[in-house]
Every structure is written in structure tokens, then in C-alpha cells.
Amino acid sequence: MNKSYQEAITLIEEIISKSGNIESKNNNTLIILAPPSPYLPKAAEITGNIQKIKIAAQNCHSEESGAYTGEISASMIRSTGAEYVIIGHSERRNYFKESNEFLSKKIDAVLKNGLNLIFCCGELLPEREKGNYFSIVKDQLYESLFHLTEEEFENVIIAYEPVWAIGTGMNATSQQAQEMHAFIRSLVAEKYNLKTAENTVILYGGSCNSKNAKELFANADVDGGLIGGASLKSQDFIEIVDSF
């Protein structure tokens, strides 16, 4: 929940400009920008001709329409030109008490409307300290995500958020990030198959910035980042993008 309309559009325009001719770069880098919902139509418009920059919504409701004042449905998001939706972000789980079951319904709504899913999972500090962080993440995946068919799962990106390392002054090490990413990929292989697991993009979302991005992205199972505060300044964000 940052920036006015004009500030947000300026930021997106700066990112487009500073990313250079991203279309001609010989790599698989994809930039997905997730502005607040009121800005989605304009964001989709100004990035519409750039294949390697896509637009995501930060959240959606599980129902298609109805008496849910203030909520936004997946079909509304699709009508703006956005192509992705973030579901299960740690802040939604914390502040709005979104359960795994509720997130499962949201996921179904997203995929039903032909959108791509960015699904967030991760453990709190007490769960990390108790040593049960693997079981927490496994439950989140099985209870929210793993009801999908193999075909549906092709439209899923997973983002791991070590909640204890976000805005706390504590940092997850590169080794801790790789350990959890490898575990998540093993769960996907266990549920579906090895090919699906290898093709699944898994992002790291724990205070990733221009200083630690290169080391984090060097890990075999870390495919990119879910960037928070470091995305609010175009130069900082582009430095992260260039870390690949």
C-alpha cells in the first residue's frame, strides 16, 4: 500500500526506461509488477507491448461477484489487463487472518479466470525457532495449492517468504533460502512429478535487495525474487533485476 497514482505510474515508467531493451536480452528474465488495484488498468496499458514485463494484482476475492463491498474479483482483475495475482502473502495471512482453506478458494478463482498465480508460503519466527518450519510450509502447500491438477499447476509460481526475515532486522542466509527452496521443489516432485518440479518457478521473498540478490539468485533452486520495499525505487529494483 504505497504511492499515489501518479507516483506509481512514474515508477513503472522509470523501470521500463531503466530496464533498457529488455525484449532483446537473451535470457529468461521476466519482470512482474504488482501495483495497488486502482492502478492496474494504466499499468497494464503502458506495459502492454512489452513481452517481458507483466502486471499482477496484489490480491483478489474468492467469489466471482456479489455483496462483498470493497473486494475485487479475479474476473475484474483480468478485465484490467493484468495477468497474474498474488495469493497468500504473509501480510494477508497475518493482518486479515486468511486461512489455507480460504486461500484454496481464491486460487481456484484465479485459475478459473485464466490468470496466473503467485502463491506465497512461509513460516513465522516462532515456527522457525521451534524447528518445524518444513511442516508449516508443507501444510500450506498441501492445504491450499496441491488440490490442483498437473495442468493447472503449470500456471503457478511459488514464492517463499521467511516471515521472520521481513522487516525484522534478521536475514535468512543464502543457505537457508536454498534449503527451503529445494524442499519446496521436492514436495512438488512428490505431489506431481520431477518434470513439473523442475519447471516450477520458486521465488525468494525475504528482504531481498540489491546487496544480497546476486548471492541469493546463485542458488540452484532460487529462480527469482518477490521484492518488497526495494521495488519502490526504480534504480534499486533494476539493480536486483540485473543480478540474474
C-alpha atoms as a PDB file:
ATOM      1  CA  MET A   1       0.000   0.000   0.000  1.00  0.00           C
ATOM      2  CA  ASN A   2       2.405   2.605  -1.314  1.00  0.00           C
ATOM      3  CA  LYS A   3       2.466   5.618  -3.657  1.00  0.00           C
ATOM      4  CA  SER A   4      -0.173   7.830  -5.221  1.00  0.00           C
ATOM      5  CA  TYR A   5      -1.487   7.084  -8.700  1.00  0.00           C
ATOM      6  CA  GLN A   6       0.962   9.401 -10.438  1.00  0.00           C
ATOM      7  CA  GLU A   7       3.895   8.265  -8.285  1.00  0.00           C
ATOM      8  CA  ALA A   8       3.156   4.644  -9.139  1.00  0.00           C
ATOM      9  CA  ILE A   9       2.888   5.293 -12.872  1.00  0.00           C
ATOM     10  CA  THR A  10       6.127   7.288 -12.784  1.00  0.00           C
ATOM     11  CA  LEU A  11       7.844   4.394 -11.012  1.00  0.00           C
ATOM     12  CA  ILE A  12       6.651   1.922 -13.640  1.00  0.00           C
ATOM     13  CA  GLU A  13       7.782   4.233 -16.443  1.00  0.00           C
ATOM     14  CA  GLU A  14      11.208   4.574 -14.799  1.00  0.00           C
ATOM     15  CA  ILE A  15      11.511   0.794 -14.514  1.00  0.00           C
ATOM     16  CA  ILE A  16      10.621   0.402 -18.188  1.00  0.00           C
ATOM     17  CA  SER A  17      13.197   3.023 -19.146  1.00  0.00           C
ATOM     18  CA  LYS A  18      15.992   1.697 -16.917  1.00  0.00           C
ATOM     19  CA  SER A  19      15.435  -1.908 -17.903  1.00  0.00           C
ATOM     20  CA  GLY A  20      16.719  -0.963 -21.347  1.00  0.00           C
ATOM     21  CA  ASN A  21      15.728  -3.056 -24.311  1.00  0.00           C
ATOM     22  CA  ILE A  22      14.674  -5.990 -22.158  1.00  0.00           C
ATOM     23  CA  GLU A  23      12.952  -7.655 -25.112  1.00  0.00           C
ATOM     24  CA  SER A  24      16.251  -8.191 -26.919  1.00  0.00           C
ATOM     25  CA  LYS A  25      18.149  -9.583 -23.930  1.00  0.00           C
ATOM     26  CA  ASN A  26      18.987 -13.245 -24.391  1.00  0.00           C
ATOM     27  CA  ASN A  27      17.699 -14.566 -21.076  1.00  0.00           C
ATOM     28  CA  ASN A  28      14.504 -15.777 -19.447  1.00  0.00           C
ATOM     29  CA  THR A  29      14.114 -12.838 -17.062  1.00  0.00           C
ATOM     30  CA  LEU A  30      10.505 -11.802 -16.544  1.00  0.00           C
ATOM     31  CA  ILE A  31       9.544  -8.694 -14.574  1.00  0.00           C
ATOM     32  CA  ILE A  32       6.136  -8.800 -12.887  1.00  0.00           C
ATOM     33  CA  LEU A  33       4.936  -5.541 -11.355  1.00  0.00           C
ATOM     34  CA  ALA A  34       2.163  -5.625  -8.729  1.00  0.00           C
ATOM     35  CA  PRO A  35       0.772  -2.127  -8.116  1.00  0.00           C
ATOM     36  CA  PRO A  36      -2.301  -1.404  -5.947  1.00  0.00           C
ATOM     37  CA  SER A  37      -5.548  -2.363  -7.678  1.00  0.00           C
ATOM     38  CA  PRO A  38      -6.687   1.166  -8.693  1.00  0.00           C
ATOM     39  CA  TYR A  39      -3.551   1.456 -10.815  1.00  0.00           C
ATOM     40  CA  LEU A  40      -3.860  -1.863 -12.663  1.00  0.00           C
ATOM     41  CA  PRO A  41      -5.512  -0.626 -15.902  1.00  0.00           C
ATOM     42  CA  LYS A  42      -2.935   2.090 -16.553  1.00  0.00           C
ATOM     43  CA  ALA A  43      -0.068  -0.219 -15.548  1.00  0.00           C
ATOM     44  CA  ALA A  44      -1.310  -2.860 -17.996  1.00  0.00           C
ATOM     45  CA  GLU A  45      -1.704  -0.241 -20.700  1.00  0.00           C
ATOM     46  CA  ILE A  46       1.824   1.163 -20.529  1.00  0.00           C
ATOM     47  CA  THR A  47       3.448  -2.298 -20.353  1.00  0.00           C
ATOM     48  CA  GLY A  48       1.116  -3.946 -22.865  1.00  0.00           C
ATOM     49  CA  ASN A  49       3.627  -4.108 -25.716  1.00  0.00           C
ATOM     50  CA  ILE A  50       6.498  -5.374 -23.578  1.00  0.00           C
ATOM     51  CA  GLN A  51       6.511  -9.159 -23.503  1.00  0.00           C
ATOM     52  CA  LYS A  52       8.962  -9.431 -20.609  1.00  0.00           C
ATOM     53  CA  ILE A  53       7.049  -7.112 -18.255  1.00  0.00           C
ATOM     54  CA  LYS A  54       3.711  -8.319 -16.878  1.00  0.00           C
ATOM     55  CA  ILE A  55       1.231  -6.914 -14.361  1.00  0.00           C
ATOM     56  CA  ALA A  56      -0.111  -8.621 -11.230  1.00  0.00           C
ATOM     57  CA  ALA A  57      -2.768  -7.779  -8.682  1.00  0.00           C
ATOM     58  CA  GLN A  58      -1.762  -7.996  -5.020  1.00  0.00           C
ATOM     59  CA  ASN A  59      -4.853  -9.969  -4.003  1.00  0.00           C
ATOM     60  CA  CYS A  60      -8.364 -10.979  -5.039  1.00  0.00           C
ATOM     61  CA  HIS A  61     -11.558 -12.341  -3.503  1.00  0.00           C
ATOM     62  CA  SER A  62     -12.667 -15.942  -3.781  1.00  0.00           C
ATOM     63  CA  GLU A  63     -16.138 -15.138  -5.150  1.00  0.00           C
ATOM     64  CA  GLU A  64     -16.967 -14.059  -8.680  1.00  0.00           C
ATOM     65  CA  SER A  65     -19.351 -11.258  -7.677  1.00  0.00           C
ATOM     66  CA  GLY A  66     -21.908 -10.319  -5.040  1.00  0.00           C
ATOM     67  CA  ALA A  67     -22.332  -8.455  -1.775  1.00  0.00           C
ATOM     68  CA  TYR A  68     -18.651  -8.185  -0.843  1.00  0.00           C
ATOM     69  CA  THR A  69     -18.240  -4.429  -0.627  1.00  0.00           C
ATOM     70  CA  GLY A  70     -14.675  -3.289  -1.158  1.00  0.00           C
ATOM     71  CA  GLU A  71     -13.465  -6.595  -2.591  1.00  0.00           C
ATOM     72  CA  ILE A  72     -12.165  -7.260  -6.103  1.00  0.00           C
ATOM     73  CA  SER A  73     -12.838 -10.461  -8.034  1.00  0.00           C
ATOM     74  CA  ALA A  74     -10.475 -12.340 -10.319  1.00  0.00           C
ATOM     75  CA  SER A  75     -12.650 -11.560 -13.342  1.00  0.00           C
ATOM     76  CA  MET A  76     -12.424  -7.831 -12.535  1.00  0.00           C
ATOM     77  CA  ILE A  77      -8.652  -8.124 -12.362  1.00  0.00           C
ATOM     78  CA  ARG A  78      -8.496  -9.912 -15.689  1.00  0.00           C
ATOM     79  CA  SER A  79     -10.609  -7.166 -17.286  1.00  0.00           C
ATOM     80  CA  THR A  80      -7.922  -4.598 -16.375  1.00  0.00           C
ATOM     81  CA  GLY A  81      -5.291  -6.384 -18.455  1.00  0.00           C
ATOM     82  CA  ALA A  82      -3.383  -7.826 -15.512  1.00  0.00           C
ATOM     83  CA  GLU A  83      -2.215 -11.424 -15.989  1.00  0.00           C
ATOM     84  CA  TYR A  84      -1.110 -12.517 -12.503  1.00  0.00           C
ATOM     85  CA  VAL A  85      -2.479 -12.452  -8.957  1.00  0.00           C
ATOM     86  CA  ILE A  86      -0.552 -12.769  -5.691  1.00  0.00           C
ATOM     87  CA  ILE A  87      -2.350 -15.027  -3.203  1.00  0.00           C
ATOM     88  CA  GLY A  88      -1.377 -15.864   0.375  1.00  0.00           C
ATOM     89  CA  HIS A  89       1.077 -13.045   1.019  1.00  0.00           C
ATOM     90  CA  SER A  90       2.310 -13.080   4.616  1.00  0.00           C
ATOM     91  CA  GLU A  91       0.640  -9.737   5.316  1.00  0.00           C
ATOM     92  CA  ARG A  92      -2.721 -11.088   4.136  1.00  0.00           C
ATOM     93  CA  ARG A  93      -2.287 -14.152   6.326  1.00  0.00           C
ATOM     94  CA  ASN A  94      -1.280 -12.020   9.320  1.00  0.00           C
ATOM     95  CA  TYR A  95      -3.478  -8.919   9.196  1.00  0.00           C
ATOM     96  CA  PHE A  96      -6.546 -10.453   7.552  1.00  0.00           C
ATOM     97  CA  LYS A  97      -6.266 -13.947   9.041  1.00  0.00           C
ATOM     98  CA  GLU A  98      -6.568 -15.720   5.705  1.00  0.00           C
ATOM     99  CA  SER A  99      -6.591 -19.455   6.262  1.00  0.00           C
ATOM    100  CA  ASN A 100      -5.180 -22.147   3.999  1.00  0.00           C
ATOM    101  CA  GLU A 101      -8.740 -23.221   3.187  1.00  0.00           C
ATOM    102  CA  PHE A 102      -9.783 -19.697   2.180  1.00  0.00           C
ATOM    103  CA  LEU A 103      -6.650 -19.302   0.073  1.00  0.00           C
ATOM    104  CA  SER A 104      -7.517 -22.529  -1.725  1.00  0.00           C
ATOM    105  CA  LYS A 105     -10.808 -20.966  -2.844  1.00  0.00           C
ATOM    106  CA  LYS A 106      -9.013 -17.845  -4.014  1.00  0.00           C
ATOM    107  CA  ILE A 107      -6.590 -19.959  -6.025  1.00  0.00           C
ATOM    108  CA  ASP A 108      -9.480 -21.674  -7.775  1.00  0.00           C
ATOM    109  CA  ALA A 109     -10.989 -18.286  -8.668  1.00  0.00           C
ATOM    110  CA  VAL A 110      -7.696 -17.047 -10.093  1.00  0.00           C
ATOM    111  CA  LEU A 111      -7.139 -20.067 -12.323  1.00  0.00           C
ATOM    112  CA  LYS A 112     -10.807 -20.285 -13.347  1.00  0.00           C
ATOM    113  CA  ASN A 113     -10.476 -16.803 -14.814  1.00  0.00           C
ATOM    114  CA  GLY A 114      -7.393 -17.642 -16.849  1.00  0.00           C
ATOM    115  CA  LEU A 115      -4.946 -15.743 -14.667  1.00  0.00           C
ATOM    116  CA  ASN A 116      -1.554 -16.914 -13.445  1.00  0.00           C
ATOM    117  CA  LEU A 117      -0.950 -17.469  -9.749  1.00  0.00           C
ATOM    118  CA  ILE A 118       1.863 -16.306  -7.481  1.00  0.00           C
ATOM    119  CA  PHE A 119       1.347 -18.316  -4.280  1.00  0.00           C
ATOM    120  CA  CYS A 120       3.164 -17.222  -1.137  1.00  0.00           C
ATOM    121  CA  CYS A 121       4.159 -19.540   1.687  1.00  0.00           C
ATOM    122  CA  GLY A 122       6.486 -19.290   4.656  1.00  0.00           C
ATOM    123  CA  GLU A 123       6.967 -19.592   8.398  1.00  0.00           C
ATOM    124  CA  LEU A 124       6.871 -17.182  11.349  1.00  0.00           C
ATOM    125  CA  LEU A 125       9.769 -16.649  13.748  1.00  0.00           C
ATOM    126  CA  PRO A 126       8.357 -18.955  16.496  1.00  0.00           C
ATOM    127  CA  GLU A 127       7.893 -21.688  13.884  1.00  0.00           C
ATOM    128  CA  ARG A 128      11.470 -21.251  12.681  1.00  0.00           C
ATOM    129  CA  GLU A 129      12.798 -21.302  16.249  1.00  0.00           C
ATOM    130  CA  LYS A 130      10.859 -24.470  17.085  1.00  0.00           C
ATOM    131  CA  GLY A 131      12.351 -26.184  14.052  1.00  0.00           C
ATOM    132  CA  ASN A 132       9.008 -27.094  12.477  1.00  0.00           C
ATOM    133  CA  TYR A 133       9.276 -24.730   9.514  1.00  0.00           C
ATOM    134  CA  PHE A 134       9.311 -27.559   6.974  1.00  0.00           C
ATOM    135  CA  SER A 135       5.991 -28.922   8.233  1.00  0.00           C
ATOM    136  CA  ILE A 136       4.426 -25.428   8.250  1.00  0.00           C
ATOM    137  CA  VAL A 137       5.313 -24.820   4.610  1.00  0.00           C
ATOM    138  CA  LYS A 138       4.284 -28.344   3.641  1.00  0.00           C
ATOM    139  CA  ASP A 139       0.850 -27.827   5.223  1.00  0.00           C
ATOM    140  CA  GLN A 140       0.419 -24.514   3.412  1.00  0.00           C
ATOM    141  CA  LEU A 141       1.159 -26.143   0.078  1.00  0.00           C
ATOM    142  CA  TYR A 142      -0.955 -29.243   0.610  1.00  0.00           C
ATOM    143  CA  GLU A 143      -3.952 -27.439   2.125  1.00  0.00           C
ATOM    144  CA  SER A 144      -4.059 -24.529  -0.330  1.00  0.00           C
ATOM    145  CA  LEU A 145      -2.333 -25.494  -3.556  1.00  0.00           C
ATOM    146  CA  PHE A 146      -1.881 -29.196  -4.105  1.00  0.00           C
ATOM    147  CA  HIS A 147      -5.509 -29.917  -4.999  1.00  0.00           C
ATOM    148  CA  LEU A 148      -4.693 -28.530  -8.459  1.00  0.00           C
ATOM    149  CA  THR A 149      -4.261 -30.794 -11.450  1.00  0.00           C
ATOM    150  CA  GLU A 150      -0.864 -31.036 -13.115  1.00  0.00           C
ATOM    151  CA  GLU A 151      -2.197 -28.924 -15.996  1.00  0.00           C
ATOM    152  CA  GLU A 152      -3.481 -26.214 -13.641  1.00  0.00           C
ATOM    153  CA  PHE A 153      -0.196 -26.230 -11.750  1.00  0.00           C
ATOM    154  CA  GLU A 154       1.626 -25.074 -14.893  1.00  0.00           C
ATOM    155  CA  ASN A 155       0.184 -21.606 -14.215  1.00  0.00           C
ATOM    156  CA  VAL A 156       1.620 -21.412 -10.689  1.00  0.00           C
ATOM    157  CA  ILE A 157       4.644 -19.550  -9.341  1.00  0.00           C
ATOM    158  CA  ILE A 158       5.577 -20.240  -5.705  1.00  0.00           C
ATOM    159  CA  ALA A 159       7.105 -17.516  -3.543  1.00  0.00           C
ATOM    160  CA  TYR A 160       8.794 -18.476  -0.283  1.00  0.00           C
ATOM    161  CA  GLU A 161       8.613 -15.798   2.413  1.00  0.00           C
ATOM    162  CA  PRO A 162      10.581 -16.392   5.605  1.00  0.00           C
ATOM    163  CA  VAL A 163       8.280 -14.052   7.531  1.00  0.00           C
ATOM    164  CA  TRP A 164      10.803 -13.793  10.355  1.00  0.00           C
ATOM    165  CA  ALA A 165      13.291 -12.157   7.978  1.00  0.00           C
ATOM    166  CA  ILE A 166      10.959  -9.434   6.663  1.00  0.00           C
ATOM    167  CA  GLY A 167      11.406  -6.025   8.266  1.00  0.00           C
ATOM    168  CA  THR A 168      12.816  -7.529  11.467  1.00  0.00           C
ATOM    169  CA  GLY A 169      16.495  -6.809  11.028  1.00  0.00           C
ATOM    170  CA  MET A 170      17.117 -10.548  10.779  1.00  0.00           C
ATOM    171  CA  ASN A 171      18.222 -12.026   7.482  1.00  0.00           C
ATOM    172  CA  ALA A 172      17.887 -15.501   6.084  1.00  0.00           C
ATOM    173  CA  THR A 173      21.190 -16.780   4.808  1.00  0.00           C
ATOM    174  CA  SER A 174      21.680 -17.897   1.242  1.00  0.00           C
ATOM    175  CA  GLN A 175      21.954 -21.461   2.559  1.00  0.00           C
ATOM    176  CA  GLN A 176      18.646 -21.192   4.445  1.00  0.00           C
ATOM    177  CA  ALA A 177      16.933 -19.894   1.318  1.00  0.00           C
ATOM    178  CA  GLN A 178      18.315 -22.723  -0.825  1.00  0.00           C
ATOM    179  CA  GLU A 179      17.381 -25.327   1.784  1.00  0.00           C
ATOM    180  CA  MET A 180      13.719 -24.289   1.795  1.00  0.00           C
ATOM    181  CA  HIS A 181      13.511 -23.815  -1.972  1.00  0.00           C
ATOM    182  CA  ALA A 182      14.924 -27.301  -2.524  1.00  0.00           C
ATOM    183  CA  PHE A 183      12.413 -28.666  -0.018  1.00  0.00           C
ATOM    184  CA  ILE A 184       9.511 -26.966  -1.793  1.00  0.00           C
ATOM    185  CA  ARG A 185      10.676 -28.328  -5.140  1.00  0.00           C
ATOM    186  CA  SER A 186      10.887 -31.819  -3.643  1.00  0.00           C
ATOM    187  CA  LEU A 187       7.279 -31.507  -2.455  1.00  0.00           C
ATOM    188  CA  VAL A 188       6.154 -30.541  -5.960  1.00  0.00           C
ATOM    189  CA  ALA A 189       8.002 -33.572  -7.353  1.00  0.00           C
ATOM    190  CA  GLU A 190       6.404 -35.775  -4.700  1.00  0.00           C
ATOM    191  CA  LYS A 191       2.906 -34.495  -5.488  1.00  0.00           C
ATOM    192  CA  TYR A 192       3.199 -34.276  -9.276  1.00  0.00           C
ATOM    193  CA  ASN A 193       6.423 -35.380 -10.953  1.00  0.00           C
ATOM    194  CA  LEU A 194      10.062 -34.393 -11.408  1.00  0.00           C
ATOM    195  CA  LYS A 195       9.463 -32.552 -14.682  1.00  0.00           C
ATOM    196  CA  THR A 196       6.762 -30.373 -13.134  1.00  0.00           C
ATOM    197  CA  ALA A 197       9.029 -29.672 -10.175  1.00  0.00           C
ATOM    198  CA  GLU A 198      11.924 -28.662 -12.416  1.00  0.00           C
ATOM    199  CA  ASN A 199       9.658 -26.332 -14.409  1.00  0.00           C
ATOM    200  CA  THR A 200       8.149 -24.658 -11.349  1.00  0.00           C
ATOM    201  CA  VAL A 201       9.446 -21.152 -10.675  1.00  0.00           C
ATOM    202  CA  ILE A 202      10.178 -20.599  -6.971  1.00  0.00           C
ATOM    203  CA  LEU A 203      10.861 -17.038  -5.811  1.00  0.00           C
ATOM    204  CA  TYR A 204      12.562 -15.846  -2.636  1.00  0.00           C
ATOM    205  CA  GLY A 205      10.744 -13.107  -0.717  1.00  0.00           C
ATOM    206  CA  GLY A 206      12.662 -12.363   2.453  1.00  0.00           C
ATOM    207  CA  SER A 207      14.119  -8.843   2.367  1.00  0.00           C
ATOM    208  CA  CYS A 208      15.790  -9.391  -0.990  1.00  0.00           C
ATOM    209  CA  ASN A 209      17.700  -6.273  -2.092  1.00  0.00           C
ATOM    210  CA  SER A 210      20.425  -5.107  -4.448  1.00  0.00           C
ATOM    211  CA  LYS A 211      23.137  -6.117  -1.969  1.00  0.00           C
ATOM    212  CA  ASN A 212      22.114  -9.756  -1.426  1.00  0.00           C
ATOM    213  CA  ALA A 213      20.235 -10.565  -4.636  1.00  0.00           C
ATOM    214  CA  LYS A 214      23.197 -11.917  -6.605  1.00  0.00           C
ATOM    215  CA  GLU A 215      24.159 -14.367  -3.859  1.00  0.00           C
ATOM    216  CA  LEU A 216      20.550 -15.489  -3.353  1.00  0.00           C
ATOM    217  CA  PHE A 217      19.867 -15.943  -7.062  1.00  0.00           C
ATOM    218  CA  ALA A 218      23.048 -18.001  -7.472  1.00  0.00           C
ATOM    219  CA  ASN A 219      21.383 -20.858  -5.579  1.00  0.00           C
ATOM    220  CA  ALA A 220      20.238 -23.733  -7.765  1.00  0.00           C
ATOM    221  CA  ASP A 221      16.611 -23.655  -6.604  1.00  0.00           C
ATOM    222  CA  VAL A 222      16.114 -19.885  -6.249  1.00  0.00           C
ATOM    223  CA  ASP A 223      14.584 -18.737  -9.536  1.00  0.00           C
ATOM    224  CA  GLY A 224      13.986 -15.087  -8.679  1.00  0.00           C
ATOM    225  CA  GLY A 225      12.675 -12.733  -6.042  1.00  0.00           C
ATOM    226  CA  LEU A 226       9.417 -11.429  -4.632  1.00  0.00           C
ATOM    227  CA  ILE A 227      10.632  -7.898  -3.976  1.00  0.00           C
ATOM    228  CA  GLY A 228       9.066  -5.658  -1.329  1.00  0.00           C
ATOM    229  CA  GLY A 229      10.467  -2.322  -0.178  1.00  0.00           C
ATOM    230  CA  ALA A 230      13.410  -2.482  -2.574  1.00  0.00           C
ATOM    231  CA  SER A 231      10.988  -2.252  -5.501  1.00  0.00           C
ATOM    232  CA  LEU A 232       9.794   1.242  -4.523  1.00  0.00           C
ATOM    233  CA  LYS A 233      12.898   2.891  -6.004  1.00  0.00           C
ATOM    234  CA  SER A 234      13.442   2.152  -9.670  1.00  0.00           C
ATOM    235  CA  GLN A 235      17.246   2.083  -9.535  1.00  0.00           C
ATOM    236  CA  ASP A 236      17.288  -0.336  -6.587  1.00  0.00           C
ATOM    237  CA  PHE A 237      14.825  -2.592  -8.360  1.00  0.00           C
ATOM    238  CA  ILE A 238      16.721  -2.593 -11.649  1.00  0.00           C
ATOM    239  CA  GLU A 239      19.933  -3.491  -9.821  1.00  0.00           C
ATOM    240  CA  ILE A 240      18.109  -6.558  -8.464  1.00  0.00           C
ATOM    241  CA  VAL A 241      16.872  -7.454 -11.950  1.00  0.00           C
ATOM    242  CA  ASP A 242      20.421  -7.135 -13.278  1.00  0.00           C
ATOM    243  CA  SER A 243      21.645  -9.562 -10.586  1.00  0.00           C
ATOM    244  CA  PHE A 244      20.483 -12.522 -12.664  1.00  0.00           C
END
